[in-house]
Amino acid sequence: MCVVRLNQAVEGSMIEMVNSNKLSAEQKEAFESEGYLGLPAFIDDEWLVRLTEAAQRAVEDSRDITETNEWFDVESNHAACNPRLRRLMKPQDYDSVFWEFASEGPFTDLAEDLLGPDVKFHHGKLNFKWSDGGAEVKWHQDIPFWPHTSYNVLTIGLALDEIDDSMGPMGVVPGSHKGPIFNHYAPDGRWQGFINKSDLLSVAIGRAGYIKGPAGTVTVHHCRAVHGSQPNVHPVKPRPLLLFAYSRAASLPIMPYNQNSRYNGAIVRGCHPIYPEVDRELCPLPPLKGQRSIFESQQD
């Protein structure tokens, strides 16, 4: 089955496919070279209002829980009177507006521009990073968490509110997607979900580009790009960042999905492939069981 965008021709009744072309040739070249993009104020206010309202409903729903569960990952000081929701898991299943955005909104156009005409949805999450110390994310790569048969995989994020230097913006090391895939296990063999300090010595962390901007700013990063973020030290403002991962349809996940989502593996643009694509460079596998959210793994 194919999922395509169609447009009525100006003359006659012929139906023709539309090429999204959301990105310029220069932006595509920058992604290929640097492994990430920052697109300030890329998403319009109509989408932002709908998505922000859904995010606020999730925060309200989280008041009723006392510990992390399959939907809500909460900080240790989370309370009904002071909700500290670190992550909404599976936003695409939580509220239909998230899936509408992930499958029909401008993210699919961006994914098509960078991955090609056949695009598969992998997973989603909404990270809140609350004010006054919201969780750090240590330097890591995404693909060791969910290996695929090839590396045509990326994550697209949307800032639901303004992000400035104080709020722990995501930093990406330019060109690191062309380097090695690092070990994300601790020296004792425990899965930790971040790159060991000894390995980081070979990564130009000081050159990281930090993606900031007004509400509606979009981040795009390659699955191999080394990235992370500092705590949010803003006194009052959280940093909600909605994230959806996509792959080329022929790049198949190797491990079981971490999320039990109804949309696992959905084709959101183009067609299901006839053959898989397989990269000759292998990706190390995460634990088969017991892999928790990145926050729980990194802060254990």
Protein backbone atom coordinates (compact mmCIF):
# COMPACT_ATOMS: atom_id res chain seq x y z
CA MET A 1 0.00 0.00 0.00
CA CYS A 2 1.21 3.51 -0.85
CA VAL A 3 0.63 6.75 1.04
CA VAL A 4 1.07 9.70 -1.31
CA ARG A 5 0.19 13.35 -1.51
CA LEU A 6 -1.89 14.07 -4.59
CA ASN A 7 -2.82 17.25 -6.37
CA GLN A 8 -5.38 18.01 -9.06
CA ALA A 9 -3.73 19.24 -12.26
CA VAL A 10 -4.63 22.71 -13.49
CA GLU A 11 -6.05 21.38 -16.75
CA GLY A 12 -8.06 18.22 -17.19
CA SER A 13 -8.65 15.59 -14.55
CA MET A 14 -5.16 14.08 -14.38
CA ILE A 15 -3.89 13.38 -10.85
CA GLU A 16 -0.18 13.91 -10.25
CA MET A 17 2.14 13.37 -7.29
CA VAL A 18 3.51 16.40 -5.45
CA ASN A 19 7.17 16.65 -4.45
CA SER A 20 7.30 18.27 -1.00
CA ASN A 21 10.55 20.28 -1.41
CA LYS A 22 10.25 21.86 2.03
CA LEU A 23 14.03 22.18 2.17
CA SER A 24 16.33 24.07 -0.15
CA ALA A 25 19.25 22.38 -1.88
CA GLU A 26 21.58 24.20 0.54
CA GLN A 27 19.70 22.88 3.57
CA LYS A 28 19.82 19.33 2.24
CA GLU A 29 23.56 19.68 1.64
CA ALA A 30 23.99 21.04 5.18
CA PHE A 31 22.19 18.02 6.64
CA GLU A 32 24.36 15.67 4.60
CA SER A 33 27.51 17.45 5.77
CA GLU A 34 26.70 18.34 9.37
CA GLY A 35 24.12 15.69 10.33
CA TYR A 36 21.55 18.13 11.69
CA LEU A 37 19.39 21.16 10.89
CA GLY A 38 17.74 23.94 12.88
CA LEU A 39 14.72 25.54 11.22
CA PRO A 40 13.51 28.60 13.22
CA ALA A 41 9.75 29.25 13.39
CA PHE A 42 9.11 26.53 10.80
CA ILE A 43 5.68 25.35 12.05
CA ASP A 44 2.66 27.64 11.87
CA ASP A 45 0.54 28.86 14.79
CA GLU A 46 -2.46 26.67 13.98
CA TRP A 47 -0.46 23.49 14.50
CA LEU A 48 1.28 24.95 17.55
CA VAL A 49 -1.99 25.79 19.30
CA ARG A 50 -3.44 22.32 18.74
CA LEU A 51 -0.28 20.50 19.78
CA THR A 52 0.29 22.71 22.84
CA GLU A 53 -3.26 22.11 24.05
CA ALA A 54 -2.73 18.35 23.78
CA ALA A 55 0.60 18.65 25.63
CA GLN A 56 -1.07 20.59 28.44
CA ARG A 57 -3.73 17.88 28.75
CA ALA A 58 -0.94 15.34 29.24
CA VAL A 59 0.55 17.43 32.06
CA GLU A 60 -2.85 17.60 33.75
CA ASP A 61 -3.35 13.84 33.39
CA SER A 62 0.08 13.22 34.93
CA ARG A 63 -1.05 14.82 38.21
CA ASP A 64 -2.88 11.58 39.03
CA ILE A 65 0.22 9.35 38.99
CA THR A 66 3.00 8.97 41.55
CA GLU A 67 5.65 7.09 39.54
CA THR A 68 6.71 6.41 35.97
CA ASN A 69 4.41 4.16 33.96
CA GLU A 70 3.98 3.21 30.29
CA TRP A 71 2.62 6.67 29.37
CA PHE A 72 4.29 9.11 31.75
CA ASP A 73 7.97 9.32 32.72
CA VAL A 74 8.14 11.62 35.75
CA GLU A 75 10.93 13.20 37.77
CA SER A 76 11.56 12.07 41.35
CA ASN A 77 9.95 15.22 42.79
CA HIS A 78 6.83 14.97 40.64
CA ALA A 79 3.61 15.67 42.59
CA ALA A 80 0.00 16.48 41.85
CA CYS A 81 0.54 20.05 43.05
CA ASN A 82 3.81 20.36 41.10
CA PRO A 83 3.75 18.10 38.03
CA ARG A 84 7.25 17.32 36.68
CA LEU A 85 6.51 15.21 33.63
CA ARG A 86 9.83 14.40 31.93
CA ARG A 87 8.36 12.58 28.95
CA LEU A 88 5.03 11.67 27.46
CA MET A 89 5.59 8.31 25.82
CA LYS A 90 3.71 7.46 22.62
CA PRO A 91 2.14 10.90 22.09
CA GLN A 92 0.84 9.60 18.75
CA ASP A 93 -1.39 7.16 20.69
CA TYR A 94 -2.23 9.55 23.52
CA ASP A 95 -4.00 12.16 21.39
CA SER A 96 -5.07 11.96 17.75
CA VAL A 97 -3.67 15.43 16.96
CA PHE A 98 -0.13 14.12 17.54
CA TRP A 99 -0.62 11.30 15.03
CA GLU A 100 -2.27 13.66 12.56
CA PHE A 101 0.79 15.89 12.82
CA ALA A 102 3.28 13.00 12.64
CA SER A 103 1.65 11.32 9.64
CA GLU A 104 0.14 14.20 7.64
CA GLY A 105 1.90 17.37 8.79
CA PRO A 106 5.09 19.07 7.60
CA PHE A 107 7.34 16.54 9.37
CA THR A 108 6.52 13.97 6.69
CA ASP A 109 7.53 16.49 4.03
CA LEU A 110 10.87 17.03 5.75
CA ALA A 111 11.38 13.27 6.11
CA GLU A 112 10.63 12.78 2.41
CA ASP A 113 13.07 15.53 1.46
CA LEU A 114 15.88 13.85 3.42
CA LEU A 115 15.05 10.13 3.20
CA GLY A 116 13.40 9.80 -0.19
CA PRO A 117 9.83 9.11 -1.33
CA ASP A 118 9.14 6.05 0.87
CA VAL A 119 9.04 6.91 4.58
CA LYS A 120 8.22 4.84 7.66
CA PHE A 121 7.24 6.09 11.13
CA HIS A 122 9.26 4.59 13.98
CA HIS A 123 8.27 6.19 17.30
CA GLY A 124 7.46 9.41 19.12
CA LYS A 125 7.95 11.14 22.47
CA LEU A 126 7.35 14.53 24.04
CA ASN A 127 10.15 15.71 26.36
CA PHE A 128 9.22 18.54 28.72
CA LYS A 129 12.51 19.44 30.48
CA TRP A 130 10.93 21.45 33.28
CA SER A 131 12.30 24.71 34.61
CA ASP A 132 14.69 24.99 37.53
CA GLY A 133 16.73 21.87 36.81
CA GLY A 134 14.80 19.83 34.23
CA ALA A 135 16.76 16.75 33.28
CA GLU A 136 20.09 16.79 31.45
CA VAL A 137 20.48 14.43 28.50
CA LYS A 138 24.06 13.15 28.28
CA TRP A 139 25.92 12.85 24.99
CA HIS A 140 24.62 9.91 23.01
CA GLN A 141 23.59 8.65 19.58
CA ASP A 142 20.07 7.45 18.80
CA ILE A 143 20.74 4.42 16.65
CA PRO A 144 22.21 2.24 19.48
CA PHE A 145 18.80 2.49 21.20
CA TRP A 146 16.88 1.21 18.16
CA PRO A 147 19.20 -0.31 15.51
CA HIS A 148 18.04 -0.57 11.90
CA THR A 149 19.35 -2.48 8.91
CA SER A 150 20.72 0.79 7.51
CA TYR A 151 21.37 4.32 8.74
CA ASN A 152 18.72 6.20 6.77
CA VAL A 153 16.98 7.12 10.01
CA LEU A 154 16.43 10.53 11.58
CA THR A 155 14.54 12.32 14.34
CA ILE A 156 12.57 15.53 13.83
CA GLY A 157 11.69 17.74 16.80
CA LEU A 158 9.33 20.66 17.33
CA ALA A 159 9.79 23.31 20.02
CA LEU A 160 6.32 23.99 21.43
CA ASP A 161 7.68 27.10 23.15
CA GLU A 162 10.69 29.35 22.81
CA ILE A 163 14.09 27.80 23.54
CA ASP A 164 16.98 29.98 24.72
CA ASP A 165 20.44 29.26 26.13
CA SER A 166 19.17 28.85 29.70
CA MET A 167 16.68 26.13 28.81
CA GLY A 168 19.02 23.30 27.85
CA PRO A 169 18.76 23.44 24.05
CA MET A 170 19.79 20.33 22.15
CA GLY A 171 23.39 20.42 20.97
CA VAL A 172 24.61 18.35 18.02
CA VAL A 173 28.26 17.74 17.13
CA PRO A 174 28.61 18.61 13.42
CA GLY A 175 29.85 15.78 11.24
CA SER A 176 29.66 13.20 14.04
CA HIS A 177 27.12 11.19 12.03
CA LYS A 178 30.02 10.22 9.75
CA GLY A 179 32.12 8.95 12.65
CA PRO A 180 31.96 5.75 14.68
CA ILE A 181 28.96 4.35 16.50
CA PHE A 182 30.00 4.49 20.15
CA ASN A 183 29.48 1.99 22.92
CA HIS A 184 26.55 2.99 25.16
CA TYR A 185 27.28 0.36 27.83
CA ALA A 186 29.09 1.13 31.08
CA PRO A 187 32.50 -0.52 31.73
CA ASP A 188 30.74 -3.05 33.99
CA GLY A 189 28.49 -4.15 31.11
CA ARG A 190 25.38 -2.31 32.30
CA TRP A 191 23.34 -0.42 29.68
CA GLN A 192 23.69 3.29 30.49
CA GLY A 193 22.45 4.97 27.33
CA PHE A 194 25.29 7.47 26.90
CA ILE A 195 28.83 7.63 25.53
CA ASN A 196 31.66 6.90 27.97
CA LYS A 197 33.95 9.79 28.89
CA SER A 198 36.98 8.05 27.42
CA ASP A 199 35.24 7.87 24.02
CA LEU A 200 34.06 11.47 24.21
CA LEU A 201 37.70 12.58 24.12
CA SER A 202 37.64 11.84 20.39
CA VAL A 203 34.44 13.85 19.81
CA ALA A 204 34.58 17.61 19.22
CA ILE A 205 31.97 18.43 21.87
CA GLY A 206 33.18 22.04 21.93
CA ARG A 207 32.03 22.47 18.33
CA ALA A 208 28.45 21.39 19.07
CA GLY A 209 25.74 23.53 17.53
CA TYR A 210 22.85 24.33 19.89
CA ILE A 211 19.43 24.64 18.28
CA LYS A 212 17.46 27.54 19.73
CA GLY A 213 14.62 29.71 18.52
CA PRO A 214 11.00 30.75 18.95
CA ALA A 215 8.03 28.41 19.30
CA GLY A 216 7.65 26.46 16.07
CA THR A 217 11.39 25.93 15.62
CA VAL A 218 12.22 22.50 14.19
CA THR A 219 15.26 20.32 14.85
CA VAL A 220 16.38 17.48 12.58
CA HIS A 221 19.23 15.13 13.46
CA HIS A 222 20.70 11.99 11.92
CA CYS A 223 20.47 8.76 13.91
CA ARG A 224 24.27 8.59 14.26
CA ALA A 225 24.79 12.24 15.25
CA VAL A 226 26.25 12.74 18.73
CA HIS A 227 23.90 15.01 20.68
CA GLY A 228 22.80 15.96 24.18
CA SER A 229 21.50 18.83 26.31
CA GLN A 230 22.14 20.52 29.64
CA PRO A 231 19.53 20.92 32.40
CA ASN A 232 16.93 23.65 32.02
CA VAL A 233 17.97 26.35 34.50
CA HIS A 234 15.30 28.86 33.50
CA PRO A 235 13.43 29.79 36.71
CA VAL A 236 9.90 29.28 35.35
CA LYS A 237 9.72 28.09 31.73
CA PRO A 238 9.76 24.43 30.66
CA ARG A 239 11.24 23.35 27.31
CA PRO A 240 8.66 21.06 25.65
CA LEU A 241 10.14 19.35 22.59
CA LEU A 242 7.97 17.00 20.51
CA LEU A 243 10.05 14.32 18.75
CA PHE A 244 9.15 11.84 16.02
CA ALA A 245 11.58 9.37 14.43
CA TYR A 246 11.31 8.26 10.81
CA SER A 247 13.27 5.93 8.56
CA ARG A 248 13.48 5.20 4.88
CA ALA A 249 10.83 2.54 4.41
CA ALA A 250 13.43 -0.04 3.32
CA SER A 251 15.48 0.51 6.51
CA LEU A 252 14.00 -2.03 8.90
CA PRO A 253 14.20 -2.05 12.72
CA ILE A 254 16.27 -4.93 14.05
CA MET A 255 15.05 -4.92 17.66
CA PRO A 256 11.47 -5.10 18.96
CA TYR A 257 9.86 -1.69 19.31
CA ASN A 258 10.34 -0.11 22.74
CA GLN A 259 6.85 1.32 22.47
CA ASN A 260 3.76 -0.79 22.04
CA SER A 261 2.17 1.69 19.66
CA ARG A 262 -0.59 1.03 17.16
CA TYR A 263 1.50 3.00 14.66
CA ASN A 264 4.71 0.99 14.85
CA GLY A 265 6.13 0.75 11.33
CA ALA A 266 3.37 2.75 9.64
CA ILE A 267 4.16 3.92 6.11
CA VAL A 268 3.50 7.67 6.18
CA ARG A 269 4.71 8.53 2.69
CA GLY A 270 5.19 6.39 -0.41
CA CYS A 271 5.14 2.60 -0.43
CA HIS A 272 6.17 -0.45 1.56
CA PRO A 273 9.49 -1.72 0.09
CA ILE A 274 9.94 -4.88 -1.91
CA TYR A 275 13.44 -5.46 -0.51
CA PRO A 276 15.20 -4.16 2.61
CA GLU A 277 18.34 -2.05 2.44
CA VAL A 278 21.22 -3.37 4.53
CA ASP A 279 24.33 -1.41 5.50
CA ARG A 280 27.55 -3.40 5.72
CA GLU A 281 28.52 -1.60 8.94
CA LEU A 282 26.78 -3.26 11.86
CA CYS A 283 25.26 -1.41 14.81
CA PRO A 284 25.76 -2.78 18.36
CA LEU A 285 22.54 -3.98 19.96
CA PRO A 286 20.99 -2.63 23.17
CA PRO A 287 19.64 -5.03 25.80
CA LEU A 288 16.80 -7.18 24.53
CA LYS A 289 14.82 -6.54 27.72
CA GLY A 290 14.84 -4.03 30.51
CA GLN A 291 15.75 -0.99 28.41
CA ARG A 292 14.06 1.98 30.05
CA SER A 293 13.63 5.55 28.92
CA ILE A 294 16.84 7.45 28.30
CA PHE A 295 16.25 9.46 31.48
CA GLU A 296 15.97 6.41 33.70
CA SER A 297 18.97 4.73 32.03
CA GLN A 298 21.23 7.78 32.18
CA GLN A 299 20.34 8.81 35.72
CA ASP A 300 20.40 5.37 37.31
